[in-house]
Amino acid sequence: MSTIGFPGLGIEPFTINKTAFTIFGLRVQWYALIIVVGILLALFYFLRRGTRTEGFSEDDLLNICILVIPISIIGARAVYVLTSLEKYNSIWDALKIWEGGLAIYGAILFGLATVLIYCRHRKLPALKLLDALAPAVMLGQIIGRWGNFVNAEAYGYSAGVEKLPWRMTVGTVYIDGVPHPEIEFVHPTFLYESLWNLLGFIVINLFYRHKKRDGQVFYLYVAWYGLGRGLLEFLRTDSLRIFGYKAFVILGLGSFVIAVILLIVSYRRAAAEREEIEAYTSANPTPVSVPETENTLDIPVDYDHKDDNDESDEKEGEDNGDHT
């Protein structure tokens, strides 16, 4: 059970059962159902964008989904486990994905590698495909974050949070796995990230029709998500750490910088290509074909006309002829 409240908004603490239902003794968690809904909506968006906008065959897109979805889940679990080895006593414990523990950057990195390998094998334009896939992933993230709400997790803490009208209560607050009963309120950082991604999804879809070169939509997604996740990670109380540092602060802000650089380079290349086309067009103007005969007045022309001498001779003949 999760106990959640928003006293500043007049919402008193209430409980949510993490288990949606049980079938054949198997407990199906709300977290899993929400993730599945996010994946399905992302799939539909990807198929629509990939076929209608980017011109890929539906078969290729479905093949990619069949590969990317399970590999991304494996990647998300693998990264979480590798950055939280102290939580697991055996390989079997590490495989218990139903007990929670996924790292979204693991899903992104493993999924990206899968797409690049598939595109190379099938000789497909990878950047064009990633343009269609990136906003689909963001749509899945918007929805998936609400699984954290049901589990009362992925929250944050900072001084002064108790003054915010949207402050949140979750019962006992844990910071890096250590309980802090003296802390009463936390940031709903899962909500912050969901709203940030929703805004990014709108921006990306507005930008999509104005992209100048393949890959620009993907770069914008990486920059947008990286910036938001990197900054929010400063607040998170459950951050995965590498050598004592918050891994996703470094990865998020680092990916933001790299994506912005790639976006600038892409725009400069697009501008250079446009200048080359304009220069070539100026140096090689298209010849204008002019018809050999123009008849602007639309007067019928008799091409079997006779010259003036023939006409005068004929007239004289008529004047000298016999008349009855």
C-alpha atoms as a PDB file:
ATOM      1  CA  MET A   1       0.000   0.000   0.000  1.00  0.00           C
ATOM      2  CA  SER A   2       1.108   3.571  -0.711  1.00  0.00           C
ATOM      3  CA  THR A   3       0.014   6.546   1.362  1.00  0.00           C
ATOM      4  CA  ILE A   4       0.012   9.847  -0.513  1.00  0.00           C
ATOM      5  CA  GLY A   5      -1.285  13.326   0.260  1.00  0.00           C
ATOM      6  CA  PHE A   6      -1.150  16.917  -0.996  1.00  0.00           C
ATOM      7  CA  PRO A   7      -2.153  18.956   2.059  1.00  0.00           C
ATOM      8  CA  GLY A   8      -1.387  22.277   0.386  1.00  0.00           C
ATOM      9  CA  LEU A   9      -4.023  21.466  -2.230  1.00  0.00           C
ATOM     10  CA  GLY A  10      -6.525  20.252   0.336  1.00  0.00           C
ATOM     11  CA  ILE A  11      -5.958  16.559  -0.517  1.00  0.00           C
ATOM     12  CA  GLU A  12      -5.587  14.618   2.698  1.00  0.00           C
ATOM     13  CA  PRO A  13      -3.439  11.451   2.771  1.00  0.00           C
ATOM     14  CA  PHE A  14      -5.045   8.462   1.058  1.00  0.00           C
ATOM     15  CA  THR A  15      -3.901   4.938   0.343  1.00  0.00           C
ATOM     16  CA  ILE A  16      -3.416   3.179  -2.992  1.00  0.00           C
ATOM     17  CA  ASN A  17      -3.062  -0.548  -3.346  1.00  0.00           C
ATOM     18  CA  LYS A  18      -0.023  -1.168  -5.562  1.00  0.00           C
ATOM     19  CA  THR A  19      -1.612  -4.369  -6.824  1.00  0.00           C
ATOM     20  CA  ALA A  20      -4.273  -3.804  -9.478  1.00  0.00           C
ATOM     21  CA  PHE A  21      -5.585  -7.384  -9.418  1.00  0.00           C
ATOM     22  CA  THR A  22      -4.499 -10.971  -8.898  1.00  0.00           C
ATOM     23  CA  ILE A  23      -4.865 -13.708 -11.507  1.00  0.00           C
ATOM     24  CA  PHE A  24      -3.923 -17.349 -10.911  1.00  0.00           C
ATOM     25  CA  GLY A  25      -2.015 -16.238  -7.840  1.00  0.00           C
ATOM     26  CA  LEU A  26       0.009 -13.696  -9.813  1.00  0.00           C
ATOM     27  CA  ARG A  27      -0.234 -10.124  -8.597  1.00  0.00           C
ATOM     28  CA  VAL A  28      -0.465  -7.598 -11.429  1.00  0.00           C
ATOM     29  CA  GLN A  29       0.823  -4.232 -10.247  1.00  0.00           C
ATOM     30  CA  TRP A  30      -0.526  -0.836 -11.255  1.00  0.00           C
ATOM     31  CA  TYR A  31       3.035   0.172 -12.117  1.00  0.00           C
ATOM     32  CA  ALA A  32       3.244  -2.565 -14.744  1.00  0.00           C
ATOM     33  CA  LEU A  33      -0.163  -1.723 -16.224  1.00  0.00           C
ATOM     34  CA  ILE A  34       0.723   1.958 -16.538  1.00  0.00           C
ATOM     35  CA  ILE A  35       4.026   1.097 -18.215  1.00  0.00           C
ATOM     36  CA  VAL A  36       2.204  -1.172 -20.680  1.00  0.00           C
ATOM     37  CA  VAL A  37      -0.286   1.592 -21.531  1.00  0.00           C
ATOM     38  CA  GLY A  38       2.614   3.962 -22.160  1.00  0.00           C
ATOM     39  CA  ILE A  39       4.336   1.424 -24.418  1.00  0.00           C
ATOM     40  CA  LEU A  40       1.156   0.797 -26.447  1.00  0.00           C
ATOM     41  CA  LEU A  41       0.462   4.488 -27.019  1.00  0.00           C
ATOM     42  CA  ALA A  42       4.103   5.035 -27.971  1.00  0.00           C
ATOM     43  CA  LEU A  43       3.829   2.119 -30.414  1.00  0.00           C
ATOM     44  CA  PHE A  44       0.760   3.569 -32.143  1.00  0.00           C
ATOM     45  CA  TYR A  45       2.360   6.994 -32.398  1.00  0.00           C
ATOM     46  CA  PHE A  46       5.582   5.516 -33.800  1.00  0.00           C
ATOM     47  CA  LEU A  47       3.740   3.516 -36.461  1.00  0.00           C
ATOM     48  CA  ARG A  48       1.708   6.526 -37.554  1.00  0.00           C
ATOM     49  CA  ARG A  49       4.653   8.948 -37.629  1.00  0.00           C
ATOM     50  CA  GLY A  50       7.014   6.436 -39.160  1.00  0.00           C
ATOM     51  CA  THR A  51       4.722   5.486 -42.042  1.00  0.00           C
ATOM     52  CA  ARG A  52       2.947   8.757 -42.809  1.00  0.00           C
ATOM     53  CA  THR A  53       5.703  11.265 -42.176  1.00  0.00           C
ATOM     54  CA  GLU A  54       8.943   9.392 -42.758  1.00  0.00           C
ATOM     55  CA  GLY A  55       7.747   6.842 -45.322  1.00  0.00           C
ATOM     56  CA  PHE A  56       8.915   3.610 -43.671  1.00  0.00           C
ATOM     57  CA  SER A  57       7.126   0.337 -44.248  1.00  0.00           C
ATOM     58  CA  GLU A  58       4.929  -0.859 -41.402  1.00  0.00           C
ATOM     59  CA  ASP A  59       6.738  -4.218 -41.429  1.00  0.00           C
ATOM     60  CA  ASP A  60      10.088  -2.602 -40.629  1.00  0.00           C
ATOM     61  CA  LEU A  61       8.554  -0.504 -37.865  1.00  0.00           C
ATOM     62  CA  LEU A  62       6.861  -3.510 -36.286  1.00  0.00           C
ATOM     63  CA  ASN A  63      10.100  -5.499 -36.489  1.00  0.00           C
ATOM     64  CA  ILE A  64      11.898  -2.698 -34.664  1.00  0.00           C
ATOM     65  CA  CYS A  65       9.232  -2.606 -31.950  1.00  0.00           C
ATOM     66  CA  ILE A  66       9.408  -6.376 -31.469  1.00  0.00           C
ATOM     67  CA  LEU A  67      13.161  -6.063 -30.920  1.00  0.00           C
ATOM     68  CA  VAL A  68      13.394  -2.750 -29.075  1.00  0.00           C
ATOM     69  CA  ILE A  69      10.688  -3.224 -26.435  1.00  0.00           C
ATOM     70  CA  PRO A  70      12.095  -6.347 -24.693  1.00  0.00           C
ATOM     71  CA  ILE A  71      15.727  -5.267 -25.158  1.00  0.00           C
ATOM     72  CA  SER A  72      14.948  -1.851 -23.665  1.00  0.00           C
ATOM     73  CA  ILE A  73      13.345  -3.477 -20.623  1.00  0.00           C
ATOM     74  CA  ILE A  74      16.412  -5.683 -20.204  1.00  0.00           C
ATOM     75  CA  GLY A  75      18.631  -2.602 -20.524  1.00  0.00           C
ATOM     76  CA  ALA A  76      16.601  -0.655 -17.979  1.00  0.00           C
ATOM     77  CA  ARG A  77      16.890  -3.493 -15.478  1.00  0.00           C
ATOM     78  CA  ALA A  78      20.583  -4.103 -16.192  1.00  0.00           C
ATOM     79  CA  VAL A  79      21.582  -0.474 -15.599  1.00  0.00           C
ATOM     80  CA  TYR A  80      19.528  -0.315 -12.411  1.00  0.00           C
ATOM     81  CA  VAL A  81      21.120  -3.483 -11.048  1.00  0.00           C
ATOM     82  CA  LEU A  82      24.671  -2.446 -11.998  1.00  0.00           C
ATOM     83  CA  THR A  83      24.248   0.859 -10.176  1.00  0.00           C
ATOM     84  CA  SER A  84      22.592  -0.786  -7.133  1.00  0.00           C
ATOM     85  CA  LEU A  85      24.609  -3.963  -6.606  1.00  0.00           C
ATOM     86  CA  GLU A  86      24.468  -3.576  -2.849  1.00  0.00           C
ATOM     87  CA  LYS A  87      20.715  -4.357  -2.948  1.00  0.00           C
ATOM     88  CA  TYR A  88      21.130  -7.844  -4.419  1.00  0.00           C
ATOM     89  CA  ASN A  89      22.539 -10.965  -2.836  1.00  0.00           C
ATOM     90  CA  SER A  90      22.287 -13.243  -5.867  1.00  0.00           C
ATOM     91  CA  ILE A  91      21.663 -13.304  -9.599  1.00  0.00           C
ATOM     92  CA  TRP A  92      18.142 -14.547  -8.904  1.00  0.00           C
ATOM     93  CA  ASP A  93      17.441 -11.446  -6.810  1.00  0.00           C
ATOM     94  CA  ALA A  94      18.695  -9.283  -9.670  1.00  0.00           C
ATOM     95  CA  LEU A  95      16.278 -10.999 -12.067  1.00  0.00           C
ATOM     96  CA  LYS A  96      13.194 -10.217  -9.971  1.00  0.00           C
ATOM     97  CA  ILE A  97      12.094  -7.334 -12.137  1.00  0.00           C
ATOM     98  CA  TRP A  98       8.534  -7.618 -10.806  1.00  0.00           C
ATOM     99  CA  GLU A  99       9.783  -6.288  -7.482  1.00  0.00           C
ATOM    100  CA  GLY A 100      10.677  -2.988  -9.159  1.00  0.00           C
ATOM    101  CA  GLY A 101      13.857  -1.322 -10.271  1.00  0.00           C
ATOM    102  CA  LEU A 102      14.211   0.133 -13.775  1.00  0.00           C
ATOM    103  CA  ALA A 103      16.524   2.860 -15.090  1.00  0.00           C
ATOM    104  CA  ILE A 104      15.070   4.751 -18.041  1.00  0.00           C
ATOM    105  CA  TYR A 105      18.491   5.662 -19.435  1.00  0.00           C
ATOM    106  CA  GLY A 106      19.296   1.961 -19.666  1.00  0.00           C
ATOM    107  CA  ALA A 107      16.174   1.512 -21.795  1.00  0.00           C
ATOM    108  CA  ILE A 108      17.140   4.464 -24.010  1.00  0.00           C
ATOM    109  CA  LEU A 109      20.733   3.333 -24.546  1.00  0.00           C
ATOM    110  CA  PHE A 110      19.896  -0.327 -25.218  1.00  0.00           C
ATOM    111  CA  GLY A 111      16.994   0.672 -27.454  1.00  0.00           C
ATOM    112  CA  LEU A 112      19.167   3.113 -29.401  1.00  0.00           C
ATOM    113  CA  ALA A 113      21.819   0.466 -29.998  1.00  0.00           C
ATOM    114  CA  THR A 114      19.161  -1.960 -31.231  1.00  0.00           C
ATOM    115  CA  VAL A 115      17.748   0.585 -33.697  1.00  0.00           C
ATOM    116  CA  LEU A 116      21.195   1.423 -35.081  1.00  0.00           C
ATOM    117  CA  ILE A 117      22.081  -2.251 -35.585  1.00  0.00           C
ATOM    118  CA  TYR A 118      18.743  -2.992 -37.269  1.00  0.00           C
ATOM    119  CA  CYS A 119      19.016   0.022 -39.575  1.00  0.00           C
ATOM    120  CA  ARG A 120      22.544  -0.939 -40.552  1.00  0.00           C
ATOM    121  CA  HIS A 121      21.448  -4.502 -41.290  1.00  0.00           C
ATOM    122  CA  ARG A 122      18.426  -3.402 -43.322  1.00  0.00           C
ATOM    123  CA  LYS A 123      20.210  -0.392 -44.888  1.00  0.00           C
ATOM    124  CA  LEU A 124      17.621   2.036 -43.522  1.00  0.00           C
ATOM    125  CA  PRO A 125      18.287   5.733 -42.724  1.00  0.00           C
ATOM    126  CA  ALA A 126      18.806   5.584 -38.951  1.00  0.00           C
ATOM    127  CA  LEU A 127      18.416   9.297 -38.217  1.00  0.00           C
ATOM    128  CA  LYS A 128      15.123   9.459 -40.106  1.00  0.00           C
ATOM    129  CA  LEU A 129      13.816   6.520 -38.090  1.00  0.00           C
ATOM    130  CA  LEU A 130      15.033   7.995 -34.806  1.00  0.00           C
ATOM    131  CA  ASP A 131      13.139  11.184 -35.620  1.00  0.00           C
ATOM    132  CA  ALA A 132       9.915   9.174 -35.646  1.00  0.00           C
ATOM    133  CA  LEU A 133      10.855   7.134 -32.577  1.00  0.00           C
ATOM    134  CA  ALA A 134      12.026   9.901 -30.236  1.00  0.00           C
ATOM    135  CA  PRO A 135       8.656  11.632 -29.600  1.00  0.00           C
ATOM    136  CA  ALA A 136       7.034   8.203 -29.256  1.00  0.00           C
ATOM    137  CA  VAL A 137       9.466   7.392 -26.439  1.00  0.00           C
ATOM    138  CA  MET A 138       8.673  10.725 -24.812  1.00  0.00           C
ATOM    139  CA  LEU A 139       4.946   9.926 -24.945  1.00  0.00           C
ATOM    140  CA  GLY A 140       5.641   6.652 -23.153  1.00  0.00           C
ATOM    141  CA  GLN A 141       7.655   8.505 -20.510  1.00  0.00           C
ATOM    142  CA  ILE A 142       4.832  10.978 -19.880  1.00  0.00           C
ATOM    143  CA  ILE A 143       2.503   8.131 -18.964  1.00  0.00           C
ATOM    144  CA  GLY A 144       5.039   5.814 -17.365  1.00  0.00           C
ATOM    145  CA  ARG A 145       5.985   8.320 -14.660  1.00  0.00           C
ATOM    146  CA  TRP A 146       2.556   7.911 -13.105  1.00  0.00           C
ATOM    147  CA  GLY A 147       3.563   4.414 -12.115  1.00  0.00           C
ATOM    148  CA  ASN A 148       5.932   6.111  -9.675  1.00  0.00           C
ATOM    149  CA  PHE A 149       2.976   8.022  -8.245  1.00  0.00           C
ATOM    150  CA  VAL A 150       1.139   4.787  -7.446  1.00  0.00           C
ATOM    151  CA  ASN A 151       4.268   3.427  -5.778  1.00  0.00           C
ATOM    152  CA  ALA A 152       4.894   6.695  -3.879  1.00  0.00           C
ATOM    153  CA  GLU A 153       8.455   6.826  -5.202  1.00  0.00           C
ATOM    154  CA  ALA A 154      10.725   8.968  -7.396  1.00  0.00           C
ATOM    155  CA  TYR A 155      10.151  11.989  -5.170  1.00  0.00           C
ATOM    156  CA  GLY A 156      12.613  14.697  -4.233  1.00  0.00           C
ATOM    157  CA  TYR A 157      13.634  16.880  -1.335  1.00  0.00           C
ATOM    158  CA  SER A 158      15.078  20.345  -0.836  1.00  0.00           C
ATOM    159  CA  ALA A 159      14.986  22.992   1.857  1.00  0.00           C
ATOM    160  CA  GLY A 160      11.777  24.991   1.759  1.00  0.00           C
ATOM    161  CA  VAL A 161       9.669  22.291   0.141  1.00  0.00           C
ATOM    162  CA  GLU A 162       7.204  22.568   3.020  1.00  0.00           C
ATOM    163  CA  LYS A 163       6.203  26.034   1.727  1.00  0.00           C
ATOM    164  CA  LEU A 164       5.111  24.826  -1.698  1.00  0.00           C
ATOM    165  CA  PRO A 165       1.355  24.505  -2.291  1.00  0.00           C
ATOM    166  CA  TRP A 166       1.893  21.252  -4.202  1.00  0.00           C
ATOM    167  CA  ARG A 167       4.065  19.672  -1.480  1.00  0.00           C
ATOM    168  CA  MET A 168       3.548  15.945  -1.147  1.00  0.00           C
ATOM    169  CA  THR A 169       3.472  13.471   1.742  1.00  0.00           C
ATOM    170  CA  VAL A 170       4.490   9.820   1.299  1.00  0.00           C
ATOM    171  CA  GLY A 171       4.690   8.542   4.859  1.00  0.00           C
ATOM    172  CA  THR A 172       8.306   7.798   5.772  1.00  0.00           C
ATOM    173  CA  VAL A 173      10.760   9.663   3.555  1.00  0.00           C
ATOM    174  CA  TYR A 174      13.864   7.791   2.410  1.00  0.00           C
ATOM    175  CA  ILE A 175      16.985   9.533   1.148  1.00  0.00           C
ATOM    176  CA  ASP A 176      19.469   7.186  -0.506  1.00  0.00           C
ATOM    177  CA  GLY A 177      17.753   4.283   1.233  1.00  0.00           C
ATOM    178  CA  VAL A 178      18.007   5.803   4.712  1.00  0.00           C
ATOM    179  CA  PRO A 179      14.741   6.710   6.519  1.00  0.00           C
ATOM    180  CA  HIS A 180      14.326  10.330   7.649  1.00  0.00           C
ATOM    181  CA  PRO A 181      11.238  10.473   9.880  1.00  0.00           C
ATOM    182  CA  GLU A 182      11.910  14.158  10.613  1.00  0.00           C
ATOM    183  CA  ILE A 183      11.106  15.069   6.974  1.00  0.00           C
ATOM    184  CA  GLU A 184       7.397  15.449   6.351  1.00  0.00           C
ATOM    185  CA  PHE A 185       7.092  16.863   2.816  1.00  0.00           C
ATOM    186  CA  VAL A 186       8.730  16.081  -0.513  1.00  0.00           C
ATOM    187  CA  HIS A 187       8.714  17.244  -4.135  1.00  0.00           C
ATOM    188  CA  PRO A 188       6.506  15.230  -6.540  1.00  0.00           C
ATOM    189  CA  THR A 189       9.405  15.009  -9.002  1.00  0.00           C
ATOM    190  CA  PHE A 190       7.628  12.256 -10.927  1.00  0.00           C
ATOM    191  CA  LEU A 191       4.971  14.900 -11.706  1.00  0.00           C
ATOM    192  CA  TYR A 192       7.601  17.494 -12.620  1.00  0.00           C
ATOM    193  CA  GLU A 193       9.165  15.106 -15.125  1.00  0.00           C
ATOM    194  CA  SER A 194       5.832  14.052 -16.589  1.00  0.00           C
ATOM    195  CA  LEU A 195       4.811  17.687 -17.149  1.00  0.00           C
ATOM    196  CA  TRP A 196       8.250  18.562 -18.541  1.00  0.00           C
ATOM    197  CA  ASN A 197       7.968  15.714 -21.030  1.00  0.00           C
ATOM    198  CA  LEU A 198       4.414  16.714 -21.942  1.00  0.00           C
ATOM    199  CA  LEU A 199       5.628  20.211 -22.801  1.00  0.00           C
ATOM    200  CA  GLY A 200       8.530  18.710 -24.739  1.00  0.00           C
ATOM    201  CA  PHE A 201       6.166  16.417 -26.650  1.00  0.00           C
ATOM    202  CA  ILE A 202       4.118  19.428 -27.763  1.00  0.00           C
ATOM    203  CA  VAL A 203       7.223  21.407 -28.748  1.00  0.00           C
ATOM    204  CA  ILE A 204       8.716  18.494 -30.695  1.00  0.00           C
ATOM    205  CA  ASN A 205       5.516  17.897 -32.645  1.00  0.00           C
ATOM    206  CA  LEU A 206       5.316  21.589 -33.546  1.00  0.00           C
ATOM    207  CA  PHE A 207       8.987  21.539 -34.553  1.00  0.00           C
ATOM    208  CA  TYR A 208       8.693  18.315 -36.541  1.00  0.00           C
ATOM    209  CA  ARG A 209       7.250  19.878 -39.691  1.00  0.00           C
ATOM    210  CA  HIS A 210      10.018  22.492 -39.737  1.00  0.00           C
ATOM    211  CA  LYS A 211      13.020  20.183 -39.451  1.00  0.00           C
ATOM    212  CA  LYS A 212      15.687  20.904 -42.054  1.00  0.00           C
ATOM    213  CA  ARG A 213      17.636  17.674 -41.841  1.00  0.00           C
ATOM    214  CA  ASP A 214      17.150  14.129 -40.575  1.00  0.00           C
ATOM    215  CA  GLY A 215      18.159  13.690 -36.948  1.00  0.00           C
ATOM    216  CA  GLN A 216      17.107  17.122 -35.727  1.00  0.00           C
ATOM    217  CA  VAL A 217      13.954  15.847 -33.992  1.00  0.00           C
ATOM    218  CA  PHE A 218      15.986  13.138 -32.251  1.00  0.00           C
ATOM    219  CA  TYR A 219      18.630  15.650 -31.128  1.00  0.00           C
ATOM    220  CA  LEU A 220      15.915  17.945 -29.773  1.00  0.00           C
ATOM    221  CA  TYR A 221      14.417  15.069 -27.776  1.00  0.00           C
ATOM    222  CA  VAL A 222      17.790  14.126 -26.277  1.00  0.00           C
ATOM    223  CA  ALA A 223      18.499  17.756 -25.379  1.00  0.00           C
ATOM    224  CA  TRP A 224      15.057  18.379 -23.898  1.00  0.00           C
ATOM    225  CA  TYR A 225      14.891  15.207 -21.838  1.00  0.00           C
ATOM    226  CA  GLY A 226      18.528  15.399 -20.799  1.00  0.00           C
ATOM    227  CA  LEU A 227      18.175  18.943 -19.457  1.00  0.00           C
ATOM    228  CA  GLY A 228      14.996  18.196 -17.521  1.00  0.00           C
ATOM    229  CA  ARG A 229      16.202  14.903 -16.092  1.00  0.00           C
ATOM    230  CA  GLY A 230      19.629  16.280 -15.208  1.00  0.00           C
ATOM    231  CA  LEU A 231      18.169  19.180 -13.225  1.00  0.00           C
ATOM    232  CA  LEU A 232      15.445  17.139 -11.533  1.00  0.00           C
ATOM    233  CA  GLU A 233      18.007  14.574 -10.467  1.00  0.00           C
ATOM    234  CA  PHE A 234      19.466  17.145  -8.062  1.00  0.00           C
ATOM    235  CA  LEU A 235      16.178  16.887  -6.130  1.00  0.00           C
ATOM    236  CA  ARG A 236      15.674  13.122  -6.332  1.00  0.00           C
ATOM    237  CA  THR A 237      16.236  11.210  -3.104  1.00  0.00           C
ATOM    238  CA  ASP A 238      16.709   7.833  -4.797  1.00  0.00           C
ATOM    239  CA  SER A 239      19.322   8.691  -7.411  1.00  0.00           C
ATOM    240  CA  LEU A 240      21.495   5.922  -8.802  1.00  0.00           C
ATOM    241  CA  ARG A 241      25.144   6.698  -8.098  1.00  0.00           C
ATOM    242  CA  ILE A 242      28.460   5.888  -9.741  1.00  0.00           C
ATOM    243  CA  PHE A 243      31.577   6.479  -7.607  1.00  0.00           C
ATOM    244  CA  GLY A 244      29.419   8.507  -5.241  1.00  0.00           C
ATOM    245  CA  TYR A 245      28.063  10.875  -7.910  1.00  0.00           C
ATOM    246  CA  LYS A 246      24.495  11.033  -9.171  1.00  0.00           C
ATOM    247  CA  ALA A 247      24.779   9.165 -12.455  1.00  0.00           C
ATOM    248  CA  PHE A 248      21.820  10.759 -14.204  1.00  0.00           C
ATOM    249  CA  VAL A 249      22.891  14.292 -13.386  1.00  0.00           C
ATOM    250  CA  ILE A 250      26.075  13.663 -15.350  1.00  0.00           C
ATOM    251  CA  LEU A 251      24.363  11.633 -18.073  1.00  0.00           C
ATOM    252  CA  GLY A 252      21.410  13.994 -18.416  1.00  0.00           C
ATOM    253  CA  LEU A 253      23.317  17.273 -18.573  1.00  0.00           C
ATOM    254  CA  GLY A 254      26.082  15.666 -20.633  1.00  0.00           C
ATOM    255  CA  SER A 255      23.596  14.378 -23.212  1.00  0.00           C
ATOM    256  CA  PHE A 256      21.989  17.836 -23.287  1.00  0.00           C
ATOM    257  CA  VAL A 257      25.297  19.486 -24.216  1.00  0.00           C
ATOM    258  CA  ILE A 258      26.144  16.873 -26.857  1.00  0.00           C
ATOM    259  CA  ALA A 259      22.651  17.030 -28.403  1.00  0.00           C
ATOM    260  CA  VAL A 260      22.737  20.831 -28.605  1.00  0.00           C
ATOM    261  CA  ILE A 261      26.108  20.672 -30.377  1.00  0.00           C
ATOM    262  CA  LEU A 262      24.778  18.080 -32.845  1.00  0.00           C
ATOM    263  CA  LEU A 263      21.682  20.197 -33.434  1.00  0.00           C
ATOM    264  CA  ILE A 264      23.794  23.273 -34.227  1.00  0.00           C
ATOM    265  CA  VAL A 265      26.031  21.269 -36.559  1.00  0.00           C
ATOM    266  CA  SER A 266      22.975  19.833 -38.310  1.00  0.00           C
ATOM    267  CA  TYR A 267      21.500  23.297 -38.864  1.00  0.00           C
ATOM    268  CA  ARG A 268      24.780  24.604 -40.230  1.00  0.00           C
ATOM    269  CA  ARG A 269      25.021  21.695 -42.641  1.00  0.00           C
ATOM    270  CA  ALA A 270      21.442  22.294 -43.745  1.00  0.00           C
ATOM    271  CA  ALA A 271      22.242  25.970 -44.333  1.00  0.00           C
ATOM    272  CA  ALA A 272      25.403  25.086 -46.284  1.00  0.00           C
ATOM    273  CA  GLU A 273      23.471  22.651 -48.446  1.00  0.00           C
ATOM    274  CA  ARG A 274      20.842  25.291 -49.144  1.00  0.00           C
ATOM    275  CA  GLU A 275      23.525  27.817 -50.137  1.00  0.00           C
ATOM    276  CA  GLU A 276      25.120  25.274 -52.490  1.00  0.00           C
ATOM    277  CA  ILE A 277      21.780  24.647 -54.167  1.00  0.00           C
ATOM    278  CA  GLU A 278      21.119  28.369 -54.542  1.00  0.00           C
ATOM    279  CA  ALA A 279      24.613  28.957 -55.953  1.00  0.00           C
ATOM    280  CA  TYR A 280      24.212  26.105 -58.443  1.00  0.00           C
ATOM    281  CA  THR A 281      20.798  27.391 -59.492  1.00  0.00           C
ATOM    282  CA  SER A 282      22.186  30.904 -60.072  1.00  0.00           C
ATOM    283  CA  ALA A 283      25.118  29.580 -62.116  1.00  0.00           C
ATOM    284  CA  ASN A 284      22.948  27.215 -64.135  1.00  0.00           C
ATOM    285  CA  PRO A 285      19.646  28.945 -64.833  1.00  0.00           C
ATOM    286  CA  THR A 286      16.981  26.811 -66.427  1.00  0.00           C
ATOM    287  CA  PRO A 287      16.746  27.638 -70.156  1.00  0.00           C
ATOM    288  CA  VAL A 288      13.431  29.100 -71.227  1.00  0.00           C
ATOM    289  CA  SER A 289      12.055  27.513 -74.391  1.00  0.00           C
ATOM    290  CA  VAL A 290      10.426  30.002 -76.792  1.00  0.00           C
ATOM    291  CA  PRO A 291       8.118  28.647 -79.484  1.00  0.00           C
ATOM    292  CA  GLU A 292       9.266  29.294 -83.037  1.00  0.00           C
ATOM    293  CA  THR A 293       5.998  30.973 -84.005  1.00  0.00           C
ATOM    294  CA  GLU A 294       3.963  33.082 -81.671  1.00  0.00           C
ATOM    295  CA  ASN A 295       0.398  34.010 -82.483  1.00  0.00           C
ATOM    296  CA  THR A 296      -0.617  36.117 -79.565  1.00  0.00           C
ATOM    297  CA  LEU A 297      -3.702  37.491 -81.282  1.00  0.00           C
ATOM    298  CA  ASP A 298      -4.999  34.029 -82.063  1.00  0.00           C
ATOM    299  CA  ILE A 299      -5.502  34.921 -85.744  1.00  0.00           C
ATOM    300  CA  PRO A 300      -5.622  31.912 -88.051  1.00  0.00           C
ATOM    301  CA  VAL A 301      -2.658  31.774 -90.343  1.00  0.00           C
ATOM    302  CA  ASP A 302      -2.728  30.398 -93.916  1.00  0.00           C
ATOM    303  CA  TYR A 303       0.699  28.935 -94.499  1.00  0.00           C
ATOM    304  CA  ASP A 304      -0.166  28.250 -98.167  1.00  0.00           C
ATOM    305  CA  HIS A 305      -0.464  31.983 -98.937  1.00  0.00           C
ATOM    306  CA  LYS A 306       0.578  33.459-102.240  1.00  0.00           C
ATOM    307  CA  ASP A 307       2.917  36.376-102.635  1.00  0.00           C
ATOM    308  CA  ASP A 308       1.826  39.817-103.880  1.00  0.00           C
ATOM    309  CA  ASN A 309       2.917  39.200-107.496  1.00  0.00           C
ATOM    310  CA  ASP A 310       0.773  36.096-107.793  1.00  0.00           C
ATOM    311  CA  GLU A 311      -2.244  38.020-106.464  1.00  0.00           C
ATOM    312  CA  SER A 312      -1.778  40.924-108.955  1.00  0.00           C
ATOM    313  CA  ASP A 313      -1.374  38.547-111.881  1.00  0.00           C
ATOM    314  CA  GLU A 314      -4.527  36.734-110.955  1.00  0.00           C
ATOM    315  CA  LYS A 315      -6.460  39.987-110.697  1.00  0.00           C
ATOM    316  CA  GLU A 316      -5.311  41.124-114.154  1.00  0.00           C
ATOM    317  CA  GLY A 317      -6.375  37.784-115.596  1.00  0.00           C
ATOM    318  CA  GLU A 318      -9.810  38.231-114.167  1.00  0.00           C
ATOM    319  CA  ASP A 319     -10.176  41.738-115.640  1.00  0.00           C
ATOM    320  CA  ASN A 320      -9.203  40.584-119.167  1.00  0.00           C
ATOM    321  CA  GLY A 321     -11.368  37.489-119.224  1.00  0.00           C
ATOM    322  CA  ASP A 322     -14.702  36.971-121.089  1.00  0.00           C
ATOM    323  CA  HIS A 323     -17.899  37.739-119.191  1.00  0.00           C
ATOM    324  CA  THR A 324     -21.277  36.293-120.052  1.00  0.00           C
END
